Structures are given as structure tokens and as C-alpha cells.
Amino acid sequence: MAGREEEGRRFRNARNDARVDSIEKRIEKDYGLPAGSIQLNRADGGNARGDKKMSNLRKEYNK
């Protein structure tokens, strides 16, 4: 069973080279939410720029 859970995780996690705006749009699409209703935030609580890579956003949270 453990292998099955790990396979699913690959599809749920955002890739490191993905941009913040594409992840926000994907979440809205998957859950049927209106455009602009999802906002990913920086570690300090501000809105993350759309052209920021997920890897850089994760680095901010791990400081």
C-alpha cells in the first residue's frame, strides 16, 4: 500500500519549476472556484507574485 500513496503524491504536489499563478489557476479549476479566489502567500503573509517559482516560495518558508 505504501507505494500506492507515494504514486498519488506525485500528482498532488506542485512542481518546483511551476509558477505561482499557474498553481492558483489549477486549484481554482480543480475545485470549481471563481477566478481570483485563490491566493498563495509569502512567508511574511503578503501575496506571492505570479511569476515566482514554487521552489523559491518553498525556500522562503524553510528559512
N, C-alpha and C. Protein backbone atom coordinates (compact mmCIF):
# COMPACT_ATOMS: atom_id res chain seq x y z
N MET A 1 0.80 -1.20 0.00
CA MET A 1 0.00 0.00 0.00
C MET A 1 0.85 1.27 0.00
N ALA A 2 2.02 1.25 0.62
CA ALA A 2 2.83 2.46 0.71
C ALA A 2 3.22 2.98 -0.67
N GLY A 3 3.53 2.09 -1.59
CA GLY A 3 3.88 2.51 -2.93
C GLY A 3 2.74 3.25 -3.62
N ARG A 4 1.53 2.84 -3.36
CA ARG A 4 0.37 3.46 -3.97
C ARG A 4 0.20 4.90 -3.49
N GLU A 5 0.41 5.15 -2.22
CA GLU A 5 0.29 6.51 -1.69
C GLU A 5 1.36 7.42 -2.28
N GLU A 6 2.55 6.93 -2.43
CA GLU A 6 3.63 7.74 -2.98
C GLU A 6 3.36 8.10 -4.44
N GLU A 7 2.76 7.20 -5.18
CA GLU A 7 2.45 7.49 -6.57
C GLU A 7 1.44 8.64 -6.67
N GLY A 8 0.45 8.65 -5.80
CA GLY A 8 -0.55 9.70 -5.81
C GLY A 8 0.01 11.05 -5.41
N ARG A 9 0.96 11.06 -4.50
CA ARG A 9 1.57 12.31 -4.03
C ARG A 9 2.22 13.06 -5.19
N ARG A 10 2.77 12.34 -6.13
CA ARG A 10 3.44 12.98 -7.27
C ARG A 10 2.47 13.88 -8.04
N PHE A 11 1.21 13.50 -8.09
CA PHE A 11 0.23 14.28 -8.84
C PHE A 11 -0.37 15.41 -8.00
N ARG A 12 -0.27 15.35 -6.70
CA ARG A 12 -0.84 16.39 -5.84
C ARG A 12 0.14 17.52 -5.57
N ASN A 13 1.41 17.23 -5.53
CA ASN A 13 2.40 18.26 -5.21
C ASN A 13 2.68 19.15 -6.41
N ALA A 14 2.88 20.43 -6.14
CA ALA A 14 3.25 21.36 -7.19
C ALA A 14 4.73 21.18 -7.53
N ARG A 15 5.04 21.19 -8.78
CA ARG A 15 6.43 21.05 -9.21
C ARG A 15 7.22 22.28 -8.80
N ASN A 16 8.51 22.10 -8.59
CA ASN A 16 9.37 23.22 -8.19
C ASN A 16 9.51 24.27 -9.27
N ASP A 17 9.41 23.87 -10.55
CA ASP A 17 9.57 24.84 -11.63
C ASP A 17 8.24 25.47 -12.06
N ALA A 18 7.15 25.14 -11.36
CA ALA A 18 5.84 25.73 -11.68
C ALA A 18 5.77 27.15 -11.13
N ARG A 19 5.01 27.99 -11.82
CA ARG A 19 4.82 29.36 -11.36
C ARG A 19 3.62 29.45 -10.43
N VAL A 20 3.64 30.41 -9.55
CA VAL A 20 2.58 30.58 -8.55
C VAL A 20 1.23 30.80 -9.24
N ASP A 21 1.18 31.63 -10.28
CA ASP A 21 -0.11 31.89 -10.92
C ASP A 21 -0.69 30.66 -11.59
N SER A 22 0.14 29.78 -12.12
CA SER A 22 -0.39 28.56 -12.74
C SER A 22 -0.94 27.60 -11.69
N ILE A 23 -0.33 27.57 -10.52
CA ILE A 23 -0.83 26.72 -9.43
C ILE A 23 -2.15 27.27 -8.91
N GLU A 24 -2.25 28.58 -8.76
CA GLU A 24 -3.50 29.19 -8.31
C GLU A 24 -4.64 28.88 -9.29
N LYS A 25 -4.38 29.02 -10.57
CA LYS A 25 -5.40 28.74 -11.58
C LYS A 25 -5.79 27.27 -11.58
N ARG A 26 -4.83 26.39 -11.37
CA ARG A 26 -5.12 24.95 -11.36
C ARG A 26 -6.01 24.58 -10.17
N ILE A 27 -5.75 25.17 -9.02
CA ILE A 27 -6.58 24.91 -7.84
C ILE A 27 -8.00 25.40 -8.09
N GLU A 28 -8.14 26.59 -8.67
CA GLU A 28 -9.47 27.12 -8.98
C GLU A 28 -10.22 26.20 -9.94
N LYS A 29 -9.53 25.73 -10.95
CA LYS A 29 -10.15 24.84 -11.95
C LYS A 29 -10.57 23.52 -11.32
N ASP A 30 -9.68 22.90 -10.54
CA ASP A 30 -9.94 21.59 -9.95
C ASP A 30 -11.12 21.61 -8.98
N TYR A 31 -11.28 22.71 -8.25
CA TYR A 31 -12.33 22.79 -7.24
C TYR A 31 -13.53 23.61 -7.69
N GLY A 32 -13.53 24.09 -8.93
CA GLY A 32 -14.66 24.84 -9.45
C GLY A 32 -14.87 26.18 -8.79
N LEU A 33 -13.79 26.83 -8.41
CA LEU A 33 -13.87 28.12 -7.73
C LEU A 33 -13.81 29.27 -8.74
N PRO A 34 -14.34 30.42 -8.39
CA PRO A 34 -14.27 31.57 -9.30
C PRO A 34 -12.83 32.07 -9.47
N ALA A 35 -12.58 32.65 -10.62
CA ALA A 35 -11.23 33.18 -10.91
C ALA A 35 -10.85 34.24 -9.89
N GLY A 36 -9.62 34.17 -9.42
CA GLY A 36 -9.11 35.14 -8.46
C GLY A 36 -9.43 34.83 -7.01
N SER A 37 -10.04 33.68 -6.74
CA SER A 37 -10.42 33.37 -5.36
C SER A 37 -9.30 32.69 -4.57
N ILE A 38 -8.27 32.21 -5.24
CA ILE A 38 -7.14 31.56 -4.58
C ILE A 38 -5.94 32.50 -4.58
N GLN A 39 -5.25 32.55 -3.44
CA GLN A 39 -4.07 33.39 -3.32
C GLN A 39 -3.01 32.65 -2.52
N LEU A 40 -1.85 32.44 -3.12
CA LEU A 40 -0.73 31.86 -2.39
C LEU A 40 0.06 33.00 -1.77
N ASN A 41 0.41 32.85 -0.51
CA ASN A 41 1.08 33.91 0.23
C ASN A 41 2.55 33.59 0.50
N ARG A 42 3.33 34.66 0.65
CA ARG A 42 4.73 34.54 1.06
C ARG A 42 4.77 34.20 2.54
N ALA A 43 5.94 33.90 3.05
CA ALA A 43 6.11 33.55 4.45
C ALA A 43 5.72 34.71 5.37
N ASP A 44 5.88 35.95 4.90
CA ASP A 44 5.54 37.11 5.72
C ASP A 44 4.06 37.49 5.64
N GLY A 45 3.27 36.74 4.86
CA GLY A 45 1.83 36.95 4.79
C GLY A 45 1.37 37.72 3.58
N GLY A 46 2.28 38.30 2.80
CA GLY A 46 1.90 39.04 1.61
C GLY A 46 1.61 38.12 0.43
N ASN A 47 0.96 38.65 -0.57
CA ASN A 47 0.64 37.89 -1.77
C ASN A 47 1.91 37.60 -2.56
N ALA A 48 2.09 36.34 -2.96
CA ALA A 48 3.25 35.96 -3.78
C ALA A 48 3.02 36.41 -5.21
N ARG A 49 4.05 36.91 -5.86
CA ARG A 49 3.95 37.34 -7.26
C ARG A 49 3.63 36.14 -8.13
N GLY A 50 2.92 36.38 -9.21
CA GLY A 50 2.51 35.31 -10.11
C GLY A 50 3.64 34.65 -10.85
N ASP A 51 4.72 35.40 -11.11
CA ASP A 51 5.83 34.83 -11.88
C ASP A 51 6.89 34.16 -10.99
N LYS A 52 6.62 34.09 -9.70
CA LYS A 52 7.54 33.44 -8.76
C LYS A 52 7.46 31.92 -8.89
N LYS A 53 8.59 31.26 -8.84
CA LYS A 53 8.62 29.80 -8.92
C LYS A 53 8.30 29.20 -7.56
N MET A 54 7.68 28.03 -7.58
CA MET A 54 7.32 27.35 -6.34
C MET A 54 8.55 27.02 -5.50
N SER A 55 9.66 26.71 -6.14
CA SER A 55 10.88 26.39 -5.39
C SER A 55 11.33 27.58 -4.54
N ASN A 56 11.22 28.78 -5.08
CA ASN A 56 11.61 29.97 -4.33
C ASN A 56 10.63 30.26 -3.20
N LEU A 57 9.36 30.00 -3.43
CA LEU A 57 8.35 30.19 -2.37
C LEU A 57 8.60 29.20 -1.23
N ARG A 58 8.93 27.97 -1.56
CA ARG A 58 9.23 26.97 -0.53
C ARG A 58 10.48 27.35 0.25
N LYS A 59 11.49 27.93 -0.41
CA LYS A 59 12.71 28.35 0.27
C LYS A 59 12.40 29.42 1.32
N GLU A 60 11.49 30.33 1.00
CA GLU A 60 11.10 31.39 1.95
C GLU A 60 10.51 30.77 3.22
N TYR A 61 9.69 29.75 3.07
CA TYR A 61 9.05 29.13 4.22
C TYR A 61 10.02 28.29 5.05
N ASN A 62 11.09 27.82 4.44
CA ASN A 62 12.05 26.96 5.16
C ASN A 62 13.16 27.73 5.84
N LYS A 63 13.15 29.07 5.75
CA LYS A 63 14.20 29.88 6.40
C LYS A 63 14.03 29.87 7.89
